[in-house]
Amino acid sequence: MVVSDAGGTADVYHRVAEVGVGTNTCAEVSSAFATAWAASPWSPYEGSWRIYVADATEGTSECHGGFASHRWKGKPALTSIPTMCPSAACVYIYPTTHRTFADMDNLGFVEGRYNLVDELTESSASSRTAMEIGDIQASAVSAMGYSCPIDDNHSCIVDGSYWLLKWSFTNYD
């Protein structure tokens, strides 16, 4: 077995929406944010090590009294895999945060622990790509159930991936 922490990313996309309160009511801010999020497309993000982000902010300090939501989605990828014989792979991620941690998408992620996200069958390929993580259309603000800005910040961030490669060697006498 070989464990690699050199897992990169493939097909990474980013989406963001931010709306300030100004003198609007909570209902007006919520409506404006929903409109901004709906108009925010998934945009390719080249050269990223980040695989998944769900970040929700509401409040007076970080988003000028409104809502902000950031999302990233991507696929863990690994290159330069030895090809002497087929190997299977278990793909792990290690969620962190710079705010209060929340698994707001109910993906089963636990902060500060390795989380198994994919198991790939045997292959002789020199590069592998795991399943996409984070293809969620709802904003992180709605996932947290925020309805009025009250200074609350939650996130779940996944930078890179960890791969456990398993080879089935047979010794012949």
N, C-alpha and C. Protein backbone atom coordinates (compact mmCIF):
# COMPACT_ATOMS: atom_id res chain seq x y z
N MET A 1 0.83 -1.17 0.00
CA MET A 1 0.00 0.00 0.00
C MET A 1 0.87 1.24 0.00
N VAL A 2 0.39 2.26 -0.64
CA VAL A 2 1.07 3.54 -0.68
C VAL A 2 0.06 4.62 -0.37
N VAL A 3 0.42 5.51 0.52
CA VAL A 3 -0.44 6.65 0.81
C VAL A 3 0.19 7.87 0.17
N SER A 4 -0.60 8.62 -0.56
CA SER A 4 -0.10 9.82 -1.21
C SER A 4 -0.91 11.02 -0.75
N ASP A 5 -0.23 12.09 -0.39
CA ASP A 5 -0.94 13.33 -0.08
C ASP A 5 -0.74 14.33 -1.22
N ALA A 6 -0.33 13.80 -2.36
CA ALA A 6 -0.08 14.66 -3.51
C ALA A 6 -1.28 14.76 -4.42
N GLY A 7 -2.43 14.38 -3.91
CA GLY A 7 -3.63 14.43 -4.74
C GLY A 7 -3.94 15.85 -5.16
N GLY A 8 -4.14 16.01 -6.44
CA GLY A 8 -4.50 17.32 -6.98
C GLY A 8 -5.99 17.40 -7.23
N THR A 9 -6.36 18.24 -8.17
CA THR A 9 -7.76 18.41 -8.48
C THR A 9 -7.97 18.40 -9.98
N ALA A 10 -9.20 18.13 -10.37
CA ALA A 10 -9.60 18.20 -11.77
C ALA A 10 -10.99 18.81 -11.82
N ASP A 11 -11.27 19.54 -12.87
CA ASP A 11 -12.61 20.09 -13.09
C ASP A 11 -13.13 20.87 -11.88
N VAL A 12 -12.40 21.89 -11.46
CA VAL A 12 -12.80 22.70 -10.31
C VAL A 12 -13.62 23.90 -10.78
N TYR A 13 -14.74 24.15 -10.09
CA TYR A 13 -15.61 25.27 -10.41
C TYR A 13 -15.92 26.05 -9.13
N HIS A 14 -16.16 27.35 -9.29
CA HIS A 14 -16.42 28.24 -8.16
C HIS A 14 -17.69 29.03 -8.44
N ARG A 15 -18.44 29.31 -7.38
CA ARG A 15 -19.68 30.09 -7.48
C ARG A 15 -19.78 30.97 -6.25
N VAL A 16 -20.19 32.24 -6.42
CA VAL A 16 -20.25 33.17 -5.30
C VAL A 16 -21.39 34.17 -5.50
N ALA A 17 -21.99 34.58 -4.37
CA ALA A 17 -22.97 35.67 -4.38
C ALA A 17 -22.86 36.40 -3.05
N GLU A 18 -22.94 37.73 -3.10
CA GLU A 18 -22.89 38.55 -1.89
C GLU A 18 -23.92 39.68 -2.03
N VAL A 19 -24.65 39.94 -0.96
CA VAL A 19 -25.65 41.02 -0.96
C VAL A 19 -25.58 41.71 0.39
N GLY A 20 -25.41 43.04 0.39
CA GLY A 20 -25.41 43.82 1.62
C GLY A 20 -26.82 44.23 2.03
N VAL A 21 -26.98 44.59 3.29
CA VAL A 21 -28.30 44.94 3.81
C VAL A 21 -28.70 46.35 3.44
N GLY A 22 -27.81 47.29 3.66
CA GLY A 22 -28.20 48.69 3.47
C GLY A 22 -29.31 49.02 4.45
N THR A 23 -30.39 49.59 3.98
CA THR A 23 -31.53 49.91 4.85
C THR A 23 -32.71 48.98 4.59
N ASN A 24 -32.44 47.86 3.94
CA ASN A 24 -33.51 46.92 3.59
C ASN A 24 -33.91 46.04 4.77
N THR A 25 -35.09 45.49 4.68
CA THR A 25 -35.56 44.54 5.69
C THR A 25 -34.94 43.17 5.44
N CYS A 26 -35.07 42.27 6.41
CA CYS A 26 -34.55 40.92 6.26
C CYS A 26 -35.16 40.22 5.05
N ALA A 27 -36.46 40.39 4.85
CA ALA A 27 -37.14 39.75 3.71
C ALA A 27 -36.59 40.28 2.39
N GLU A 28 -36.32 41.59 2.32
CA GLU A 28 -35.79 42.17 1.09
C GLU A 28 -34.37 41.68 0.82
N VAL A 29 -33.56 41.57 1.87
CA VAL A 29 -32.18 41.08 1.72
C VAL A 29 -32.19 39.62 1.30
N SER A 30 -33.03 38.82 1.92
CA SER A 30 -33.14 37.39 1.57
C SER A 30 -33.55 37.23 0.12
N SER A 31 -34.50 38.01 -0.32
CA SER A 31 -34.97 37.95 -1.70
C SER A 31 -33.88 38.38 -2.67
N ALA A 32 -33.18 39.47 -2.36
CA ALA A 32 -32.09 39.95 -3.22
C ALA A 32 -30.96 38.94 -3.29
N PHE A 33 -30.66 38.29 -2.17
CA PHE A 33 -29.61 37.29 -2.17
C PHE A 33 -30.01 36.08 -3.01
N ALA A 34 -31.25 35.61 -2.87
CA ALA A 34 -31.72 34.47 -3.66
C ALA A 34 -31.61 34.77 -5.15
N THR A 35 -31.94 36.00 -5.54
CA THR A 35 -31.84 36.41 -6.94
C THR A 35 -30.38 36.42 -7.39
N ALA A 36 -29.50 36.97 -6.55
CA ALA A 36 -28.07 37.03 -6.89
C ALA A 36 -27.48 35.62 -7.01
N TRP A 37 -27.87 34.72 -6.11
CA TRP A 37 -27.35 33.35 -6.16
C TRP A 37 -27.83 32.65 -7.44
N ALA A 38 -29.09 32.81 -7.78
CA ALA A 38 -29.65 32.18 -8.97
C ALA A 38 -28.95 32.67 -10.24
N ALA A 39 -28.48 33.91 -10.22
CA ALA A 39 -27.80 34.49 -11.39
C ALA A 39 -26.31 34.18 -11.41
N SER A 40 -25.79 33.54 -10.37
CA SER A 40 -24.36 33.25 -10.27
C SER A 40 -24.05 31.88 -10.87
N PRO A 41 -23.33 31.84 -11.99
CA PRO A 41 -23.04 30.56 -12.63
C PRO A 41 -21.82 29.87 -12.01
N TRP A 42 -21.71 28.58 -12.24
CA TRP A 42 -20.47 27.86 -11.90
C TRP A 42 -19.42 28.29 -12.92
N SER A 43 -18.29 28.80 -12.44
CA SER A 43 -17.22 29.25 -13.33
C SER A 43 -15.98 28.38 -13.13
N PRO A 44 -15.31 27.98 -14.22
CA PRO A 44 -14.10 27.17 -14.07
C PRO A 44 -13.05 27.92 -13.26
N TYR A 45 -12.33 27.19 -12.45
CA TYR A 45 -11.27 27.78 -11.63
C TYR A 45 -10.01 26.96 -11.85
N GLU A 46 -9.14 27.43 -12.70
CA GLU A 46 -7.93 26.69 -13.08
C GLU A 46 -6.84 26.83 -12.02
N GLY A 47 -6.06 25.77 -11.87
CA GLY A 47 -4.90 25.80 -10.99
C GLY A 47 -5.22 25.77 -9.51
N SER A 48 -6.40 25.29 -9.16
CA SER A 48 -6.78 25.27 -7.75
C SER A 48 -6.40 23.96 -7.09
N TRP A 49 -6.01 24.03 -5.84
CA TRP A 49 -5.80 22.84 -5.02
C TRP A 49 -7.06 22.55 -4.21
N ARG A 50 -7.97 23.49 -4.19
CA ARG A 50 -9.19 23.38 -3.41
C ARG A 50 -10.20 22.52 -4.16
N ILE A 51 -10.80 21.55 -3.47
CA ILE A 51 -11.76 20.65 -4.10
C ILE A 51 -13.19 21.02 -3.77
N TYR A 52 -13.43 21.40 -2.53
CA TYR A 52 -14.81 21.65 -2.09
C TYR A 52 -14.82 22.77 -1.06
N VAL A 53 -15.77 23.67 -1.20
CA VAL A 53 -16.00 24.71 -0.19
C VAL A 53 -17.50 24.96 -0.10
N ALA A 54 -17.98 25.02 1.12
CA ALA A 54 -19.32 25.54 1.39
C ALA A 54 -19.11 26.59 2.47
N ASP A 55 -19.32 27.84 2.13
CA ASP A 55 -19.03 28.94 3.05
C ASP A 55 -20.25 29.86 3.11
N ALA A 56 -20.78 30.05 4.31
CA ALA A 56 -21.96 30.90 4.50
C ALA A 56 -21.65 31.97 5.53
N THR A 57 -21.94 33.21 5.18
CA THR A 57 -21.72 34.33 6.08
C THR A 57 -22.99 35.16 6.13
N GLU A 58 -23.36 35.54 7.34
CA GLU A 58 -24.44 36.51 7.50
C GLU A 58 -24.03 37.44 8.61
N GLY A 59 -24.29 38.70 8.45
CA GLY A 59 -23.97 39.59 9.54
C GLY A 59 -23.53 40.96 9.12
N THR A 60 -23.06 41.68 10.11
CA THR A 60 -22.75 43.08 9.91
C THR A 60 -21.29 43.32 9.59
N SER A 61 -20.38 42.43 9.98
CA SER A 61 -18.97 42.73 9.80
C SER A 61 -18.40 42.16 8.51
N GLU A 62 -18.61 40.88 8.22
CA GLU A 62 -17.95 40.24 7.09
C GLU A 62 -18.56 40.57 5.75
N CYS A 63 -19.86 40.75 5.68
CA CYS A 63 -20.48 40.99 4.37
C CYS A 63 -21.33 42.26 4.40
N HIS A 64 -20.87 43.23 5.18
CA HIS A 64 -21.51 44.54 5.23
C HIS A 64 -22.99 44.45 5.58
N GLY A 65 -23.32 43.55 6.47
CA GLY A 65 -24.68 43.47 6.95
C GLY A 65 -25.61 42.67 6.06
N GLY A 66 -25.10 41.75 5.31
CA GLY A 66 -25.96 40.96 4.43
C GLY A 66 -25.58 39.50 4.44
N PHE A 67 -25.69 38.88 3.28
CA PHE A 67 -25.37 37.47 3.12
C PHE A 67 -24.25 37.31 2.11
N ALA A 68 -23.43 36.29 2.31
CA ALA A 68 -22.41 35.91 1.32
C ALA A 68 -22.33 34.38 1.31
N SER A 69 -22.22 33.83 0.13
CA SER A 69 -22.08 32.39 -0.01
C SER A 69 -21.06 32.08 -1.09
N HIS A 70 -20.13 31.19 -0.75
CA HIS A 70 -19.13 30.72 -1.70
C HIS A 70 -19.24 29.21 -1.79
N ARG A 71 -19.14 28.69 -2.98
CA ARG A 71 -19.12 27.24 -3.19
C ARG A 71 -18.04 26.89 -4.20
N TRP A 72 -17.38 25.78 -3.96
CA TRP A 72 -16.45 25.20 -4.92
C TRP A 72 -16.85 23.74 -5.06
N LYS A 73 -16.69 23.22 -6.26
CA LYS A 73 -16.87 21.79 -6.48
C LYS A 73 -15.71 21.31 -7.34
N GLY A 74 -15.30 20.07 -7.13
CA GLY A 74 -14.19 19.55 -7.91
C GLY A 74 -14.04 18.05 -7.74
N LYS A 75 -13.06 17.52 -8.43
CA LYS A 75 -12.79 16.08 -8.39
C LYS A 75 -11.36 15.86 -7.91
N PRO A 76 -11.17 15.03 -6.88
CA PRO A 76 -9.80 14.66 -6.51
C PRO A 76 -9.14 13.92 -7.66
N ALA A 77 -7.87 14.20 -7.91
CA ALA A 77 -7.14 13.56 -9.01
C ALA A 77 -5.72 13.22 -8.56
N LEU A 78 -5.17 12.17 -9.13
CA LEU A 78 -3.80 11.76 -8.82
C LEU A 78 -3.12 11.35 -10.12
N THR A 79 -1.89 11.81 -10.31
CA THR A 79 -1.12 11.47 -11.50
C THR A 79 0.15 10.73 -11.09
N SER A 80 0.88 10.24 -12.06
CA SER A 80 2.16 9.54 -11.86
C SER A 80 2.02 8.31 -10.97
N ILE A 81 0.96 7.56 -11.17
CA ILE A 81 0.75 6.32 -10.42
C ILE A 81 1.58 5.22 -11.09
N PRO A 82 2.36 4.45 -10.32
CA PRO A 82 3.10 3.34 -10.91
C PRO A 82 2.14 2.37 -11.59
N THR A 83 2.52 1.87 -12.77
CA THR A 83 1.63 1.03 -13.55
C THR A 83 2.12 -0.41 -13.68
N MET A 84 3.04 -0.85 -12.79
CA MET A 84 3.59 -2.20 -12.93
C MET A 84 2.53 -3.28 -12.81
N CYS A 85 1.48 -3.02 -12.04
CA CYS A 85 0.33 -3.91 -11.98
C CYS A 85 -0.86 -3.07 -11.52
N PRO A 86 -2.08 -3.55 -11.78
CA PRO A 86 -3.25 -2.75 -11.42
C PRO A 86 -3.32 -2.42 -9.93
N SER A 87 -3.85 -1.26 -9.62
CA SER A 87 -4.03 -0.87 -8.22
C SER A 87 -5.44 -0.34 -8.03
N ALA A 88 -5.99 -0.61 -6.86
CA ALA A 88 -7.25 -0.02 -6.43
C ALA A 88 -6.90 1.22 -5.61
N ALA A 89 -7.86 2.08 -5.36
CA ALA A 89 -7.57 3.30 -4.60
C ALA A 89 -8.74 3.67 -3.70
N CYS A 90 -8.40 4.12 -2.51
CA CYS A 90 -9.35 4.74 -1.60
C CYS A 90 -8.97 6.22 -1.54
N VAL A 91 -9.94 7.09 -1.72
CA VAL A 91 -9.69 8.53 -1.78
C VAL A 91 -10.28 9.18 -0.54
N TYR A 92 -9.45 9.92 0.18
CA TYR A 92 -9.85 10.59 1.41
C TYR A 92 -9.70 12.09 1.27
N ILE A 93 -10.49 12.83 2.02
CA ILE A 93 -10.33 14.27 2.14
C ILE A 93 -10.26 14.62 3.63
N TYR A 94 -9.74 15.79 3.93
CA TYR A 94 -9.52 16.23 5.31
C TYR A 94 -10.13 17.63 5.47
N PRO A 95 -11.42 17.70 5.85
CA PRO A 95 -12.09 19.01 5.95
C PRO A 95 -11.53 19.88 7.08
N THR A 96 -11.45 21.17 6.79
CA THR A 96 -11.02 22.17 7.78
C THR A 96 -11.96 23.37 7.65
N THR A 97 -11.66 24.41 8.41
CA THR A 97 -12.42 25.64 8.30
C THR A 97 -11.59 26.79 8.86
N HIS A 98 -11.95 28.00 8.50
CA HIS A 98 -11.37 29.19 9.12
C HIS A 98 -12.47 29.94 9.88
N ARG A 99 -13.62 29.31 10.02
CA ARG A 99 -14.76 29.87 10.74
C ARG A 99 -15.26 28.80 11.71
N THR A 100 -16.56 28.74 11.93
CA THR A 100 -17.17 27.65 12.68
C THR A 100 -17.48 26.54 11.69
N PHE A 101 -17.00 25.32 11.98
CA PHE A 101 -17.20 24.21 11.05
C PHE A 101 -18.66 23.78 11.00
N ALA A 102 -19.13 23.47 9.78
CA ALA A 102 -20.47 22.92 9.60
C ALA A 102 -20.48 22.04 8.36
N ASP A 103 -20.98 20.84 8.49
CA ASP A 103 -21.22 19.95 7.35
C ASP A 103 -22.61 20.29 6.82
N MET A 104 -22.74 21.49 6.28
CA MET A 104 -24.05 22.03 5.93
C MET A 104 -24.74 21.29 4.79
N ASP A 105 -23.99 20.49 4.02
CA ASP A 105 -24.58 19.73 2.93
C ASP A 105 -24.85 18.28 3.31
N ASN A 106 -24.65 17.97 4.58
CA ASN A 106 -24.90 16.62 5.10
C ASN A 106 -24.17 15.55 4.29
N LEU A 107 -22.89 15.81 4.01
CA LEU A 107 -22.06 14.86 3.27
C LEU A 107 -21.35 13.87 4.21
N GLY A 108 -21.53 14.04 5.50
CA GLY A 108 -20.88 13.16 6.46
C GLY A 108 -19.47 13.59 6.81
N PHE A 109 -19.07 14.81 6.45
CA PHE A 109 -17.72 15.29 6.72
C PHE A 109 -17.56 15.66 8.18
N VAL A 110 -16.42 15.30 8.75
CA VAL A 110 -16.08 15.62 10.12
C VAL A 110 -14.78 16.42 10.09
N GLU A 111 -14.78 17.56 10.74
CA GLU A 111 -13.60 18.42 10.75
C GLU A 111 -12.44 17.72 11.44
N GLY A 112 -11.24 17.83 10.84
CA GLY A 112 -10.04 17.29 11.45
C GLY A 112 -9.92 15.78 11.39
N ARG A 113 -10.71 15.13 10.54
CA ARG A 113 -10.63 13.68 10.35
C ARG A 113 -10.57 13.37 8.87
N TYR A 114 -9.89 12.27 8.55
CA TYR A 114 -9.89 11.81 7.16
C TYR A 114 -11.25 11.20 6.87
N ASN A 115 -11.86 11.63 5.78
CA ASN A 115 -13.19 11.16 5.38
C ASN A 115 -13.07 10.45 4.04
N LEU A 116 -13.49 9.18 3.98
CA LEU A 116 -13.47 8.42 2.74
C LEU A 116 -14.55 8.97 1.81
N VAL A 117 -14.16 9.36 0.58
CA VAL A 117 -15.14 9.91 -0.35
C VAL A 117 -15.32 9.08 -1.61
N ASP A 118 -14.38 8.19 -1.90
CA ASP A 118 -14.52 7.36 -3.09
C ASP A 118 -13.61 6.15 -2.99
N GLU A 119 -14.04 5.06 -3.61
CA GLU A 119 -13.23 3.85 -3.73
C GLU A 119 -13.21 3.48 -5.21
N LEU A 120 -12.01 3.44 -5.78
CA LEU A 120 -11.87 3.16 -7.20
C LEU A 120 -11.39 1.72 -7.39
N THR A 121 -11.97 1.04 -8.36
CA THR A 121 -11.59 -0.34 -8.63
C THR A 121 -10.20 -0.41 -9.25
N GLU A 122 -9.66 -1.62 -9.36
CA GLU A 122 -8.33 -1.79 -9.91
C GLU A 122 -8.22 -1.25 -11.33
N SER A 123 -7.08 -0.63 -11.58
CA SER A 123 -6.80 -0.06 -12.89
C SER A 123 -5.29 0.02 -13.06
N SER A 124 -4.83 -0.03 -14.30
CA SER A 124 -3.41 0.14 -14.60
C SER A 124 -3.10 1.55 -15.10
N ALA A 125 -4.06 2.44 -14.99
CA ALA A 125 -3.88 3.81 -15.47
C ALA A 125 -2.85 4.55 -14.62
N SER A 126 -2.11 5.45 -15.26
CA SER A 126 -1.10 6.21 -14.53
C SER A 126 -1.69 7.46 -13.87
N SER A 127 -2.94 7.76 -14.17
CA SER A 127 -3.63 8.86 -13.49
C SER A 127 -5.08 8.44 -13.25
N ARG A 128 -5.64 8.94 -12.16
CA ARG A 128 -7.00 8.57 -11.78
C ARG A 128 -7.73 9.82 -11.31
N THR A 129 -9.04 9.83 -11.52
CA THR A 129 -9.88 10.92 -11.06
C THR A 129 -11.05 10.33 -10.29
N ALA A 130 -11.31 10.85 -9.11
CA ALA A 130 -12.40 10.37 -8.27
C ALA A 130 -13.68 11.11 -8.60
N MET A 131 -14.75 10.72 -7.92
CA MET A 131 -16.05 11.36 -8.16
C MET A 131 -16.04 12.82 -7.73
N GLU A 132 -16.91 13.59 -8.32
CA GLU A 132 -17.02 15.01 -7.99
C GLU A 132 -17.59 15.20 -6.60
N ILE A 133 -17.05 16.18 -5.90
CA ILE A 133 -17.52 16.54 -4.56
C ILE A 133 -18.08 17.95 -4.62
N GLY A 134 -19.31 18.14 -4.17
CA GLY A 134 -19.85 19.48 -4.01
C GLY A 134 -20.74 20.00 -5.12
N ASP A 135 -21.27 19.14 -5.96
CA ASP A 135 -22.16 19.62 -7.02
C ASP A 135 -23.55 19.86 -6.42
N ILE A 136 -23.64 20.93 -5.65
CA ILE A 136 -24.86 21.27 -4.92
C ILE A 136 -25.32 22.64 -5.38
N GLN A 137 -26.56 22.74 -5.78
CA GLN A 137 -27.07 23.97 -6.36
C GLN A 137 -27.48 25.02 -5.34
N ALA A 138 -27.95 24.59 -4.18
CA ALA A 138 -28.40 25.54 -3.16
C ALA A 138 -27.22 26.32 -2.60
N SER A 139 -27.45 27.57 -2.25
CA SER A 139 -26.38 28.36 -1.63
C SER A 139 -26.10 27.82 -0.23
N ALA A 140 -24.90 28.06 0.25
CA ALA A 140 -24.55 27.66 1.61
C ALA A 140 -25.39 28.44 2.63
N VAL A 141 -25.79 29.66 2.28
CA VAL A 141 -26.66 30.45 3.16
C VAL A 141 -27.99 29.72 3.37
N SER A 142 -28.59 29.23 2.28
CA SER A 142 -29.85 28.51 2.45
C SER A 142 -29.65 27.16 3.12
N ALA A 143 -28.50 26.50 2.87
CA ALA A 143 -28.22 25.23 3.54
C ALA A 143 -28.13 25.39 5.05
N MET A 144 -27.67 26.55 5.50
CA MET A 144 -27.57 26.82 6.95
C MET A 144 -28.89 27.31 7.52
N GLY A 145 -29.85 27.65 6.66
CA GLY A 145 -31.14 28.12 7.13
C GLY A 145 -31.14 29.57 7.57
N TYR A 146 -30.15 30.34 7.13
CA TYR A 146 -30.10 31.76 7.50
C TYR A 146 -31.28 32.50 6.89
N SER A 147 -31.89 33.37 7.68
CA SER A 147 -33.01 34.16 7.16
C SER A 147 -32.83 35.66 7.39
N CYS A 148 -32.00 36.03 8.35
CA CYS A 148 -31.77 37.44 8.62
C CYS A 148 -30.34 37.60 9.14
N PRO A 149 -29.57 38.57 8.63
CA PRO A 149 -28.18 38.73 9.05
C PRO A 149 -28.02 38.96 10.55
N ILE A 150 -27.31 38.05 11.24
CA ILE A 150 -27.11 38.16 12.69
C ILE A 150 -25.68 37.85 13.11
N ASP A 151 -24.71 38.04 12.24
CA ASP A 151 -23.31 37.76 12.53
C ASP A 151 -23.06 36.29 12.83
N ASP A 152 -23.17 35.46 11.83
CA ASP A 152 -22.90 34.04 11.97
C ASP A 152 -22.12 33.61 10.73
N ASN A 153 -21.09 32.80 10.92
CA ASN A 153 -20.23 32.38 9.82
C ASN A 153 -19.91 30.90 9.96
N HIS A 154 -20.18 30.12 8.93
CA HIS A 154 -19.88 28.70 8.93
C HIS A 154 -19.22 28.32 7.60
N SER A 155 -18.35 27.31 7.67
CA SER A 155 -17.75 26.84 6.43
C SER A 155 -17.24 25.42 6.57
N CYS A 156 -16.99 24.81 5.44
CA CYS A 156 -16.34 23.51 5.33
C CYS A 156 -15.44 23.61 4.10
N ILE A 157 -14.15 23.39 4.28
CA ILE A 157 -13.18 23.58 3.21
C ILE A 157 -12.37 22.29 3.04
N VAL A 158 -12.19 21.87 1.79
CA VAL A 158 -11.37 20.69 1.49
C VAL A 158 -10.29 21.11 0.50
N ASP A 159 -9.05 21.09 0.96
CA ASP A 159 -7.89 21.40 0.12
C ASP A 159 -7.15 20.10 -0.16
N GLY A 160 -7.11 19.68 -1.41
CA GLY A 160 -6.36 18.49 -1.79
C GLY A 160 -7.05 17.21 -1.36
N SER A 161 -6.38 16.10 -1.63
CA SER A 161 -6.92 14.79 -1.30
C SER A 161 -5.79 13.86 -0.90
N TYR A 162 -6.15 12.76 -0.30
CA TYR A 162 -5.19 11.76 0.17
C TYR A 162 -5.60 10.43 -0.43
N TRP A 163 -4.65 9.75 -1.04
CA TRP A 163 -4.93 8.52 -1.78
C TRP A 163 -4.22 7.34 -1.12
N LEU A 164 -4.94 6.27 -0.90
CA LEU A 164 -4.39 5.02 -0.43
C LEU A 164 -4.46 4.05 -1.61
N LEU A 165 -3.30 3.72 -2.17
CA LEU A 165 -3.25 2.83 -3.33
C LEU A 165 -2.97 1.41 -2.85
N LYS A 166 -3.70 0.44 -3.42
CA LYS A 166 -3.56 -0.96 -3.00
C LYS A 166 -3.30 -1.82 -4.23
N TRP A 167 -2.18 -2.55 -4.19
CA TRP A 167 -1.84 -3.46 -5.26
C TRP A 167 -2.03 -4.89 -4.77
N SER A 168 -2.46 -5.76 -5.66
CA SER A 168 -2.57 -7.18 -5.36
C SER A 168 -1.44 -7.91 -6.06
N PHE A 169 -0.34 -8.12 -5.32
CA PHE A 169 0.81 -8.82 -5.87
C PHE A 169 0.64 -10.31 -5.67
N THR A 170 1.03 -11.08 -6.68
CA THR A 170 1.04 -12.53 -6.57
C THR A 170 2.46 -13.00 -6.76
N ASN A 171 2.97 -13.76 -5.80
CA ASN A 171 4.33 -14.30 -5.90
C ASN A 171 4.28 -15.68 -6.53
N TYR A 172 5.06 -15.88 -7.57
CA TYR A 172 5.14 -17.17 -8.24
C TYR A 172 6.47 -17.82 -7.92
N ASP A 173 6.46 -19.10 -7.56
CA ASP A 173 7.71 -19.83 -7.30
C ASP A 173 8.13 -20.60 -8.50
